[in-house]
Amino acid sequence: MQDTPEKADWISFVLHFVFGLFVGCVVGFFTIFRRRQEIWLQEELILPYLSGTSLFCAGLGAKLGDRLWIGRNFRIIPPDSLKHSRSSIFVSMVSVVCGAGLAVVSIFLHFF
């Protein structure tokens, strides 16, 4: 396991987290529609599901940074990785776990 530095880059962390919230909400919005523009999820479960997908993508975005958004499509200079501390890793992993939990529980409650 690699050592984590003492200080995280919190400005980049927050910016990637906020962008991940937006992307996760858009992804969640498109996944609740069927082909004929019908919502397959019950109305009272839409907000928890969208919150879950938003938190999940926000946690991934905050943890992986530019590597998640750009991928391996860089031309010359690879993107820098985010500097993390133990607390920033903890926050991003809690966001991923809570987001996945909200989305899965919403789907579970819809079917059962």
C-alpha atoms as a PDB file:
ATOM      1  CA  MET A   1       0.000   0.000   0.000  1.00  0.00           C
ATOM      2  CA  GLN A   2       1.332   3.405  -0.910  1.00  0.00           C
ATOM      3  CA  ASP A   3       1.812   6.134   1.649  1.00  0.00           C
ATOM      4  CA  THR A   4      -0.627   8.997   1.481  1.00  0.00           C
ATOM      5  CA  PRO A   5       0.699  12.528   1.825  1.00  0.00           C
ATOM      6  CA  GLU A   6      -0.234  14.592   4.844  1.00  0.00           C
ATOM      7  CA  LYS A   7      -2.201  17.190   2.884  1.00  0.00           C
ATOM      8  CA  ALA A   8      -4.809  16.691   0.210  1.00  0.00           C
ATOM      9  CA  ASP A   9      -5.593  18.999  -2.676  1.00  0.00           C
ATOM     10  CA  TRP A  10      -9.006  19.967  -1.322  1.00  0.00           C
ATOM     11  CA  ILE A  11      -9.856  22.483  -4.050  1.00  0.00           C
ATOM     12  CA  SER A  12      -9.487  19.855  -6.772  1.00  0.00           C
ATOM     13  CA  PHE A  13     -11.229  17.325  -4.553  1.00  0.00           C
ATOM     14  CA  VAL A  14     -14.285  19.575  -4.145  1.00  0.00           C
ATOM     15  CA  LEU A  15     -14.393  20.532  -7.826  1.00  0.00           C
ATOM     16  CA  HIS A  16     -14.274  16.894  -8.932  1.00  0.00           C
ATOM     17  CA  PHE A  17     -16.862  16.021  -6.280  1.00  0.00           C
ATOM     18  CA  VAL A  18     -19.294  18.713  -7.490  1.00  0.00           C
ATOM     19  CA  PHE A  19     -18.798  17.748 -11.137  1.00  0.00           C
ATOM     20  CA  GLY A  20     -19.393  14.121 -10.136  1.00  0.00           C
ATOM     21  CA  LEU A  21     -22.654  15.106  -8.434  1.00  0.00           C
ATOM     22  CA  PHE A  22     -23.861  16.680 -11.653  1.00  0.00           C
ATOM     23  CA  VAL A  23     -22.752  13.785 -13.869  1.00  0.00           C
ATOM     24  CA  GLY A  24     -24.242  11.234 -11.464  1.00  0.00           C
ATOM     25  CA  CYS A  25     -27.581  13.012 -11.460  1.00  0.00           C
ATOM     26  CA  VAL A  26     -27.649  13.068 -15.265  1.00  0.00           C
ATOM     27  CA  VAL A  27     -26.672   9.388 -15.462  1.00  0.00           C
ATOM     28  CA  GLY A  28     -29.298   8.459 -12.875  1.00  0.00           C
ATOM     29  CA  PHE A  29     -31.930  10.504 -14.710  1.00  0.00           C
ATOM     30  CA  PHE A  30     -31.281   8.671 -17.969  1.00  0.00           C
ATOM     31  CA  THR A  31     -31.265   5.240 -16.322  1.00  0.00           C
ATOM     32  CA  ILE A  32     -34.762   5.587 -14.831  1.00  0.00           C
ATOM     33  CA  PHE A  33     -36.442   5.983 -18.223  1.00  0.00           C
ATOM     34  CA  ARG A  34     -37.491   3.139 -20.465  1.00  0.00           C
ATOM     35  CA  ARG A  35     -37.365   3.263 -24.227  1.00  0.00           C
ATOM     36  CA  ARG A  36     -40.864   4.728 -24.492  1.00  0.00           C
ATOM     37  CA  GLN A  37     -40.117   7.580 -22.065  1.00  0.00           C
ATOM     38  CA  GLU A  38     -41.853   5.847 -19.145  1.00  0.00           C
ATOM     39  CA  ILE A  39     -40.314   5.987 -15.694  1.00  0.00           C
ATOM     40  CA  TRP A  40     -39.796   2.479 -14.355  1.00  0.00           C
ATOM     41  CA  LEU A  41     -39.211   3.624 -10.770  1.00  0.00           C
ATOM     42  CA  GLN A  42     -41.947   4.642  -8.322  1.00  0.00           C
ATOM     43  CA  GLU A  43     -42.293   8.382  -7.793  1.00  0.00           C
ATOM     44  CA  GLU A  44     -41.293   8.377  -4.127  1.00  0.00           C
ATOM     45  CA  LEU A  45     -38.084   6.481  -4.946  1.00  0.00           C
ATOM     46  CA  ILE A  46     -36.828   8.804  -7.696  1.00  0.00           C
ATOM     47  CA  LEU A  47     -35.123  11.298  -5.366  1.00  0.00           C
ATOM     48  CA  PRO A  48     -33.267   8.639  -3.299  1.00  0.00           C
ATOM     49  CA  TYR A  49     -32.170   6.888  -6.495  1.00  0.00           C
ATOM     50  CA  LEU A  50     -30.889  10.109  -8.078  1.00  0.00           C
ATOM     51  CA  SER A  51     -29.167  11.037  -4.811  1.00  0.00           C
ATOM     52  CA  GLY A  52     -27.500   7.640  -4.748  1.00  0.00           C
ATOM     53  CA  THR A  53     -26.209   7.810  -8.298  1.00  0.00           C
ATOM     54  CA  SER A  54     -25.000  11.366  -7.686  1.00  0.00           C
ATOM     55  CA  LEU A  55     -23.097  10.426  -4.523  1.00  0.00           C
ATOM     56  CA  PHE A  56     -21.620   7.355  -6.195  1.00  0.00           C
ATOM     57  CA  CYS A  57     -20.273   9.308  -9.180  1.00  0.00           C
ATOM     58  CA  ALA A  58     -19.140  12.168  -6.935  1.00  0.00           C
ATOM     59  CA  GLY A  59     -17.103   9.802  -4.769  1.00  0.00           C
ATOM     60  CA  LEU A  60     -15.521   8.180  -7.798  1.00  0.00           C
ATOM     61  CA  GLY A  61     -14.794  11.555  -9.351  1.00  0.00           C
ATOM     62  CA  ALA A  62     -13.232  12.877  -6.160  1.00  0.00           C
ATOM     63  CA  LYS A  63     -11.079   9.772  -5.745  1.00  0.00           C
ATOM     64  CA  LEU A  64      -9.912   9.298  -9.338  1.00  0.00           C
ATOM     65  CA  GLY A  65      -9.945  12.903 -10.554  1.00  0.00           C
ATOM     66  CA  ASP A  66      -8.998  13.562 -14.160  1.00  0.00           C
ATOM     67  CA  ARG A  67      -8.245   9.899 -14.771  1.00  0.00           C
ATOM     68  CA  LEU A  68     -11.997   9.213 -14.528  1.00  0.00           C
ATOM     69  CA  TRP A  69     -13.102  12.049 -16.812  1.00  0.00           C
ATOM     70  CA  ILE A  70     -10.285  11.959 -19.378  1.00  0.00           C
ATOM     71  CA  GLY A  71      -9.309   8.306 -19.150  1.00  0.00           C
ATOM     72  CA  ARG A  72      -6.377   7.245 -21.274  1.00  0.00           C
ATOM     73  CA  ASN A  73      -7.264   9.576 -24.158  1.00  0.00           C
ATOM     74  CA  PHE A  74      -4.569  12.127 -23.419  1.00  0.00           C
ATOM     75  CA  ARG A  75      -2.237  13.028 -26.250  1.00  0.00           C
ATOM     76  CA  ILE A  76       1.119  14.065 -24.823  1.00  0.00           C
ATOM     77  CA  ILE A  77       0.988  14.908 -21.128  1.00  0.00           C
ATOM     78  CA  PRO A  78      -0.877  12.506 -18.840  1.00  0.00           C
ATOM     79  CA  PRO A  79      -3.238  14.033 -16.261  1.00  0.00           C
ATOM     80  CA  ASP A  80      -1.868  14.532 -12.777  1.00  0.00           C
ATOM     81  CA  SER A  81      -3.354  12.387 -10.074  1.00  0.00           C
ATOM     82  CA  LEU A  82      -5.014  14.064  -7.125  1.00  0.00           C
ATOM     83  CA  LYS A  83      -3.114  14.350  -3.873  1.00  0.00           C
ATOM     84  CA  HIS A  84      -5.068  12.538  -1.188  1.00  0.00           C
ATOM     85  CA  SER A  85      -4.868  12.349   2.551  1.00  0.00           C
ATOM     86  CA  ARG A  86      -6.489   9.667   4.635  1.00  0.00           C
ATOM     87  CA  SER A  87      -9.457  11.918   5.324  1.00  0.00           C
ATOM     88  CA  SER A  88     -10.044  12.688   1.629  1.00  0.00           C
ATOM     89  CA  ILE A  89      -9.880   8.992   0.764  1.00  0.00           C
ATOM     90  CA  PHE A  90     -12.306   8.278   3.604  1.00  0.00           C
ATOM     91  CA  VAL A  91     -14.754  10.947   2.413  1.00  0.00           C
ATOM     92  CA  SER A  92     -14.709   9.698  -1.159  1.00  0.00           C
ATOM     93  CA  MET A  93     -15.138   6.057  -0.168  1.00  0.00           C
ATOM     94  CA  VAL A  94     -18.003   6.895   2.218  1.00  0.00           C
ATOM     95  CA  SER A  95     -19.662   8.783  -0.628  1.00  0.00           C
ATOM     96  CA  VAL A  96     -19.285   5.804  -2.976  1.00  0.00           C
ATOM     97  CA  VAL A  97     -20.643   3.326  -0.421  1.00  0.00           C
ATOM     98  CA  CYS A  98     -23.558   5.550   0.644  1.00  0.00           C
ATOM     99  CA  GLY A  99     -24.447   6.347  -2.960  1.00  0.00           C
ATOM    100  CA  ALA A 100     -24.391   2.714  -4.016  1.00  0.00           C
ATOM    101  CA  GLY A 101     -26.441   1.827  -0.946  1.00  0.00           C
ATOM    102  CA  LEU A 102     -29.084   4.461  -1.697  1.00  0.00           C
ATOM    103  CA  ALA A 103     -29.401   3.387  -5.319  1.00  0.00           C
ATOM    104  CA  VAL A 104     -29.572  -0.326  -4.506  1.00  0.00           C
ATOM    105  CA  VAL A 105     -32.079   0.173  -1.677  1.00  0.00           C
ATOM    106  CA  SER A 106     -34.254   2.309  -3.964  1.00  0.00           C
ATOM    107  CA  ILE A 107     -34.289  -0.410  -6.622  1.00  0.00           C
ATOM    108  CA  PHE A 108     -34.898  -3.069  -3.954  1.00  0.00           C
ATOM    109  CA  LEU A 109     -37.858  -1.147  -2.499  1.00  0.00           C
ATOM    110  CA  HIS A 110     -39.346  -0.713  -5.952  1.00  0.00           C
ATOM    111  CA  PHE A 111     -39.435  -4.438  -6.647  1.00  0.00           C
ATOM    112  CA  PHE A 112     -40.273  -5.692  -3.143  1.00  0.00           C
END
